[in-house]
Amino acid sequence: MKQDSEKNKQNAISFYRTAYMGKPEKAVELYVGADYIQHNPLIGNGKKAFIAYFEKMAKEYPNKEIEFLRAVAEDDLVAVHTHQTWPNDEEYVTMDFFRFDENGKIVEHWDSIQVVPDETKSGNPMY
């Protein structure tokens, strides 16, 4: 089955936003396939571990914000570039990759997170 890249991009962003803003169980219900493989070293494998991690994060950091800067899709993969602002003015740049199954559901996730530096040698921003 051919992947719908545009729909996958929209679903990756909706999944991420829903979980990040405190509704991980709903995010899993709507956007995740039968199995969920997690490559983030801070989160256990599977749906239950994902939900538990994001529920804890929502309680501990209720005033965080996320901005989706770009999303790129190819075949069954979607890459998402975000800017996150956390309490105490902590800022992070993230790169997330999602793999979709033949039904358009997320089944695997990788990410990389970096603190936004005050300055860069190039003078270019992280975005």
N, C-alpha and C. Protein backbone atom coordinates (compact mmCIF):
# COMPACT_ATOMS: atom_id res chain seq x y z
N MET A 1 0.84 -1.19 0.00
CA MET A 1 0.00 0.00 0.00
C MET A 1 0.88 1.24 0.00
N LYS A 2 0.55 2.19 -0.86
CA LYS A 2 1.30 3.44 -0.94
C LYS A 2 0.97 4.33 0.26
N GLN A 3 2.00 4.93 0.81
CA GLN A 3 1.83 5.83 1.96
C GLN A 3 1.28 7.18 1.52
N ASP A 4 0.44 7.78 2.33
CA ASP A 4 -0.07 9.13 2.11
C ASP A 4 0.82 10.08 2.92
N SER A 5 1.86 10.61 2.30
CA SER A 5 2.87 11.42 2.99
C SER A 5 2.27 12.63 3.68
N GLU A 6 1.35 13.30 3.03
CA GLU A 6 0.74 14.50 3.63
C GLU A 6 -0.06 14.14 4.88
N LYS A 7 -0.84 13.09 4.79
CA LYS A 7 -1.63 12.64 5.94
C LYS A 7 -0.70 12.17 7.06
N ASN A 8 0.37 11.45 6.71
CA ASN A 8 1.32 11.00 7.73
C ASN A 8 1.96 12.19 8.45
N LYS A 9 2.30 13.25 7.71
CA LYS A 9 2.87 14.45 8.35
C LYS A 9 1.87 15.05 9.33
N GLN A 10 0.65 15.22 8.90
CA GLN A 10 -0.38 15.79 9.77
C GLN A 10 -0.60 14.91 11.00
N ASN A 11 -0.60 13.60 10.81
CA ASN A 11 -0.82 12.69 11.93
C ASN A 11 0.37 12.68 12.90
N ALA A 12 1.58 12.78 12.39
CA ALA A 12 2.77 12.84 13.26
C ALA A 12 2.70 14.09 14.14
N ILE A 13 2.36 15.21 13.54
CA ILE A 13 2.26 16.47 14.30
C ILE A 13 1.12 16.39 15.32
N SER A 14 -0.02 15.88 14.91
CA SER A 14 -1.16 15.76 15.83
C SER A 14 -0.85 14.81 16.98
N PHE A 15 -0.20 13.69 16.67
CA PHE A 15 0.20 12.73 17.70
C PHE A 15 1.12 13.39 18.71
N TYR A 16 2.15 14.05 18.21
CA TYR A 16 3.16 14.68 19.07
C TYR A 16 2.52 15.77 19.93
N ARG A 17 1.73 16.64 19.30
CA ARG A 17 1.09 17.75 20.03
C ARG A 17 0.14 17.20 21.10
N THR A 18 -0.67 16.22 20.77
CA THR A 18 -1.63 15.66 21.71
C THR A 18 -0.93 15.06 22.93
N ALA A 19 0.10 14.28 22.70
CA ALA A 19 0.85 13.67 23.81
C ALA A 19 1.58 14.73 24.62
N TYR A 20 2.25 15.64 23.95
CA TYR A 20 3.06 16.67 24.60
C TYR A 20 2.22 17.58 25.49
N MET A 21 1.00 17.86 25.04
CA MET A 21 0.14 18.78 25.78
C MET A 21 -0.71 18.06 26.83
N GLY A 22 -0.38 16.80 27.14
CA GLY A 22 -0.98 16.14 28.29
C GLY A 22 -2.03 15.10 28.04
N LYS A 23 -2.20 14.67 26.79
CA LYS A 23 -3.20 13.65 26.50
C LYS A 23 -2.57 12.47 25.75
N PRO A 24 -1.57 11.82 26.36
CA PRO A 24 -0.87 10.74 25.65
C PRO A 24 -1.75 9.52 25.35
N GLU A 25 -2.69 9.22 26.24
CA GLU A 25 -3.56 8.07 25.98
C GLU A 25 -4.40 8.30 24.73
N LYS A 26 -4.91 9.51 24.57
CA LYS A 26 -5.68 9.86 23.38
C LYS A 26 -4.79 9.82 22.14
N ALA A 27 -3.55 10.31 22.27
CA ALA A 27 -2.61 10.29 21.15
C ALA A 27 -2.37 8.86 20.67
N VAL A 28 -2.15 7.95 21.61
CA VAL A 28 -1.92 6.54 21.27
C VAL A 28 -3.16 5.95 20.63
N GLU A 29 -4.31 6.21 21.22
CA GLU A 29 -5.58 5.67 20.70
C GLU A 29 -5.82 6.09 19.24
N LEU A 30 -5.55 7.35 18.94
CA LEU A 30 -5.85 7.88 17.61
C LEU A 30 -4.77 7.60 16.56
N TYR A 31 -3.50 7.55 16.96
CA TYR A 31 -2.43 7.59 15.97
C TYR A 31 -1.43 6.44 15.98
N VAL A 32 -1.51 5.53 16.94
CA VAL A 32 -0.50 4.48 17.05
C VAL A 32 -1.07 3.13 16.61
N GLY A 33 -0.22 2.36 15.93
CA GLY A 33 -0.61 1.04 15.45
C GLY A 33 -0.60 0.00 16.55
N ALA A 34 -0.64 -1.27 16.15
CA ALA A 34 -0.73 -2.38 17.10
C ALA A 34 0.48 -2.43 18.03
N ASP A 35 1.65 -2.18 17.50
CA ASP A 35 2.88 -2.18 18.29
C ASP A 35 3.54 -0.81 18.20
N TYR A 36 4.35 -0.48 19.21
CA TYR A 36 5.05 0.81 19.22
C TYR A 36 6.47 0.58 19.72
N ILE A 37 7.43 0.80 18.84
CA ILE A 37 8.84 0.63 19.15
C ILE A 37 9.43 2.00 19.47
N GLN A 38 10.04 2.12 20.64
CA GLN A 38 10.57 3.40 21.12
C GLN A 38 12.09 3.35 21.17
N HIS A 39 12.75 4.36 20.57
CA HIS A 39 14.21 4.44 20.58
C HIS A 39 14.73 5.54 21.50
N ASN A 40 13.86 6.35 22.10
CA ASN A 40 14.29 7.35 23.07
C ASN A 40 14.77 6.60 24.31
N PRO A 41 16.01 6.84 24.77
CA PRO A 41 16.54 6.09 25.90
C PRO A 41 15.87 6.39 27.24
N LEU A 42 15.06 7.44 27.31
CA LEU A 42 14.39 7.79 28.56
C LEU A 42 12.99 7.20 28.69
N ILE A 43 12.51 6.57 27.62
CA ILE A 43 11.14 6.04 27.59
C ILE A 43 11.21 4.54 27.29
N GLY A 44 10.44 3.77 28.03
CA GLY A 44 10.38 2.33 27.77
C GLY A 44 9.70 2.03 26.45
N ASN A 45 9.82 0.80 26.02
CA ASN A 45 9.23 0.35 24.77
C ASN A 45 7.73 0.12 24.95
N GLY A 46 6.96 0.39 23.92
CA GLY A 46 5.54 0.08 23.93
C GLY A 46 4.65 1.25 24.32
N LYS A 47 3.37 1.04 24.12
CA LYS A 47 2.36 2.09 24.35
C LYS A 47 2.23 2.49 25.81
N LYS A 48 2.20 1.52 26.71
CA LYS A 48 2.00 1.82 28.13
C LYS A 48 3.14 2.68 28.67
N ALA A 49 4.36 2.36 28.29
CA ALA A 49 5.52 3.14 28.75
C ALA A 49 5.45 4.56 28.19
N PHE A 50 5.04 4.71 26.95
CA PHE A 50 4.90 6.02 26.33
C PHE A 50 3.87 6.86 27.10
N ILE A 51 2.72 6.27 27.36
CA ILE A 51 1.65 6.97 28.08
C ILE A 51 2.12 7.38 29.47
N ALA A 52 2.74 6.47 30.18
CA ALA A 52 3.22 6.76 31.54
C ALA A 52 4.23 7.91 31.54
N TYR A 53 5.15 7.90 30.59
CA TYR A 53 6.17 8.96 30.51
C TYR A 53 5.52 10.32 30.28
N PHE A 54 4.61 10.41 29.32
CA PHE A 54 4.01 11.70 29.00
C PHE A 54 2.99 12.16 30.03
N GLU A 55 2.35 11.23 30.74
CA GLU A 55 1.48 11.64 31.85
C GLU A 55 2.31 12.25 32.97
N LYS A 56 3.45 11.64 33.27
CA LYS A 56 4.35 12.17 34.30
C LYS A 56 4.88 13.55 33.88
N MET A 57 5.27 13.68 32.63
CA MET A 57 5.79 14.95 32.13
C MET A 57 4.72 16.04 32.22
N ALA A 58 3.47 15.71 31.93
CA ALA A 58 2.38 16.69 31.98
C ALA A 58 2.16 17.19 33.42
N LYS A 59 2.30 16.29 34.39
CA LYS A 59 2.13 16.69 35.79
C LYS A 59 3.29 17.55 36.27
N GLU A 60 4.50 17.16 35.89
CA GLU A 60 5.69 17.85 36.37
C GLU A 60 5.97 19.16 35.64
N TYR A 61 5.55 19.26 34.39
CA TYR A 61 5.84 20.44 33.56
C TYR A 61 4.58 20.88 32.80
N PRO A 62 3.57 21.36 33.50
CA PRO A 62 2.31 21.70 32.83
C PRO A 62 2.38 22.91 31.90
N ASN A 63 3.35 23.77 32.07
CA ASN A 63 3.39 25.02 31.30
C ASN A 63 4.40 25.01 30.17
N LYS A 64 4.65 23.86 29.60
CA LYS A 64 5.58 23.79 28.48
C LYS A 64 4.84 24.12 27.17
N GLU A 65 5.61 24.51 26.18
CA GLU A 65 5.03 24.86 24.88
C GLU A 65 5.83 24.20 23.78
N ILE A 66 5.18 23.98 22.64
CA ILE A 66 5.87 23.39 21.50
C ILE A 66 5.45 24.11 20.23
N GLU A 67 6.42 24.35 19.38
CA GLU A 67 6.17 24.95 18.06
C GLU A 67 6.71 23.99 17.01
N PHE A 68 5.87 23.64 16.06
CA PHE A 68 6.28 22.75 14.98
C PHE A 68 6.78 23.60 13.82
N LEU A 69 8.05 23.44 13.51
CA LEU A 69 8.69 24.30 12.51
C LEU A 69 8.65 23.71 11.10
N ARG A 70 8.80 22.41 11.01
CA ARG A 70 8.75 21.77 9.70
C ARG A 70 8.52 20.28 9.87
N ALA A 71 7.99 19.68 8.83
CA ALA A 71 7.80 18.23 8.78
C ALA A 71 8.11 17.79 7.36
N VAL A 72 8.83 16.69 7.25
CA VAL A 72 9.24 16.15 5.96
C VAL A 72 8.86 14.67 5.94
N ALA A 73 8.27 14.22 4.84
CA ALA A 73 7.85 12.82 4.74
C ALA A 73 8.46 12.18 3.50
N GLU A 74 8.83 10.91 3.67
CA GLU A 74 9.32 10.10 2.56
C GLU A 74 8.93 8.65 2.84
N ASP A 75 8.23 8.04 1.91
CA ASP A 75 7.75 6.67 2.08
C ASP A 75 6.99 6.54 3.40
N ASP A 76 7.46 5.67 4.31
CA ASP A 76 6.74 5.45 5.57
C ASP A 76 7.34 6.22 6.75
N LEU A 77 8.21 7.21 6.45
CA LEU A 77 8.87 7.99 7.51
C LEU A 77 8.45 9.45 7.48
N VAL A 78 8.34 10.04 8.68
CA VAL A 78 8.10 11.47 8.82
C VAL A 78 9.12 12.02 9.81
N ALA A 79 9.76 13.13 9.44
CA ALA A 79 10.67 13.84 10.34
C ALA A 79 10.01 15.15 10.74
N VAL A 80 10.09 15.47 12.04
CA VAL A 80 9.48 16.68 12.57
C VAL A 80 10.55 17.47 13.33
N HIS A 81 10.62 18.76 13.07
CA HIS A 81 11.59 19.67 13.71
C HIS A 81 10.78 20.60 14.59
N THR A 82 11.11 20.64 15.91
CA THR A 82 10.33 21.47 16.83
C THR A 82 11.21 22.38 17.67
N HIS A 83 10.55 23.38 18.23
CA HIS A 83 11.14 24.27 19.23
C HIS A 83 10.28 24.13 20.47
N GLN A 84 10.89 23.71 21.58
CA GLN A 84 10.16 23.52 22.82
C GLN A 84 10.63 24.55 23.86
N THR A 85 9.68 25.13 24.56
CA THR A 85 9.97 26.06 25.66
C THR A 85 9.38 25.46 26.93
N TRP A 86 10.24 25.31 27.93
CA TRP A 86 9.87 24.69 29.20
C TRP A 86 9.92 25.73 30.31
N PRO A 87 9.37 25.40 31.48
CA PRO A 87 9.46 26.33 32.61
C PRO A 87 10.91 26.76 32.86
N ASN A 88 11.07 27.92 33.45
CA ASN A 88 12.39 28.52 33.70
C ASN A 88 13.10 28.90 32.41
N ASP A 89 12.34 29.12 31.36
CA ASP A 89 12.87 29.57 30.06
C ASP A 89 13.88 28.61 29.45
N GLU A 90 13.77 27.32 29.74
CA GLU A 90 14.61 26.33 29.07
C GLU A 90 14.06 26.11 27.68
N GLU A 91 14.96 26.11 26.68
CA GLU A 91 14.54 25.92 25.30
C GLU A 91 15.30 24.76 24.69
N TYR A 92 14.58 23.97 23.89
CA TYR A 92 15.16 22.80 23.24
C TYR A 92 14.78 22.77 21.77
N VAL A 93 15.69 22.25 20.98
CA VAL A 93 15.40 21.95 19.58
C VAL A 93 15.32 20.42 19.50
N THR A 94 14.31 19.92 18.83
CA THR A 94 14.18 18.47 18.69
C THR A 94 14.03 18.08 17.23
N MET A 95 14.48 16.89 16.95
CA MET A 95 14.28 16.25 15.65
C MET A 95 13.68 14.89 15.97
N ASP A 96 12.49 14.64 15.50
CA ASP A 96 11.81 13.36 15.74
C ASP A 96 11.54 12.68 14.41
N PHE A 97 11.65 11.36 14.43
CA PHE A 97 11.35 10.55 13.25
C PHE A 97 10.31 9.51 13.64
N PHE A 98 9.30 9.39 12.80
CA PHE A 98 8.22 8.44 13.04
C PHE A 98 8.10 7.52 11.83
N ARG A 99 7.95 6.22 12.10
CA ARG A 99 7.69 5.26 11.02
C ARG A 99 6.22 4.85 11.11
N PHE A 100 5.57 4.82 9.97
CA PHE A 100 4.16 4.49 9.86
C PHE A 100 3.97 3.10 9.26
N ASP A 101 2.93 2.40 9.70
CA ASP A 101 2.60 1.11 9.10
C ASP A 101 1.73 1.32 7.86
N GLU A 102 1.32 0.23 7.25
CA GLU A 102 0.53 0.29 6.01
C GLU A 102 -0.86 0.87 6.23
N ASN A 103 -1.30 1.00 7.50
CA ASN A 103 -2.60 1.59 7.82
C ASN A 103 -2.51 3.05 8.20
N GLY A 104 -1.32 3.65 8.07
CA GLY A 104 -1.14 5.05 8.41
C GLY A 104 -1.03 5.31 9.90
N LYS A 105 -0.61 4.30 10.66
CA LYS A 105 -0.45 4.43 12.11
C LYS A 105 1.03 4.42 12.47
N ILE A 106 1.39 5.16 13.52
CA ILE A 106 2.78 5.24 13.97
C ILE A 106 3.15 3.96 14.70
N VAL A 107 4.30 3.37 14.31
CA VAL A 107 4.73 2.13 14.94
C VAL A 107 6.17 2.19 15.46
N GLU A 108 6.88 3.29 15.17
CA GLU A 108 8.26 3.40 15.65
C GLU A 108 8.66 4.87 15.74
N HIS A 109 9.53 5.18 16.73
CA HIS A 109 9.93 6.57 16.98
C HIS A 109 11.40 6.66 17.37
N TRP A 110 12.09 7.66 16.80
CA TRP A 110 13.46 8.02 17.17
C TRP A 110 13.46 9.52 17.42
N ASP A 111 14.37 10.02 18.27
CA ASP A 111 14.47 11.46 18.43
C ASP A 111 15.86 11.87 18.90
N SER A 112 16.09 13.16 18.74
CA SER A 112 17.32 13.78 19.23
C SER A 112 16.90 15.13 19.80
N ILE A 113 17.41 15.43 21.00
CA ILE A 113 17.03 16.66 21.70
C ILE A 113 18.29 17.41 22.09
N GLN A 114 18.27 18.73 21.89
CA GLN A 114 19.43 19.56 22.21
C GLN A 114 18.97 20.87 22.84
N VAL A 115 19.68 21.31 23.86
CA VAL A 115 19.42 22.63 24.44
C VAL A 115 19.76 23.68 23.38
N VAL A 116 18.92 24.70 23.27
CA VAL A 116 19.21 25.79 22.36
C VAL A 116 20.31 26.65 22.99
N PRO A 117 21.45 26.78 22.31
CA PRO A 117 22.55 27.56 22.88
C PRO A 117 22.28 29.07 22.79
N ASP A 118 22.93 29.81 23.66
CA ASP A 118 22.79 31.27 23.63
C ASP A 118 23.35 31.86 22.35
N GLU A 119 24.40 31.23 21.83
CA GLU A 119 25.00 31.70 20.57
C GLU A 119 25.59 30.52 19.84
N THR A 120 25.77 30.70 18.54
CA THR A 120 26.39 29.67 17.71
C THR A 120 27.59 30.28 16.99
N LYS A 121 28.59 29.47 16.69
CA LYS A 121 29.78 29.98 15.99
C LYS A 121 29.41 30.52 14.60
N SER A 122 28.43 29.90 13.97
CA SER A 122 28.02 30.34 12.63
C SER A 122 27.17 31.61 12.67
N GLY A 123 26.58 31.87 13.84
CA GLY A 123 25.65 33.00 13.94
C GLY A 123 24.26 32.64 13.48
N ASN A 124 24.06 31.40 13.04
CA ASN A 124 22.76 30.95 12.58
C ASN A 124 21.97 30.37 13.74
N PRO A 125 20.66 30.56 13.73
CA PRO A 125 19.83 29.97 14.79
C PRO A 125 19.68 28.46 14.58
N MET A 126 19.14 27.80 15.58
CA MET A 126 18.92 26.35 15.50
C MET A 126 17.71 26.02 14.62
N TYR A 127 17.01 27.03 14.14
CA TYR A 127 15.82 26.81 13.34
C TYR A 127 15.95 27.40 11.98
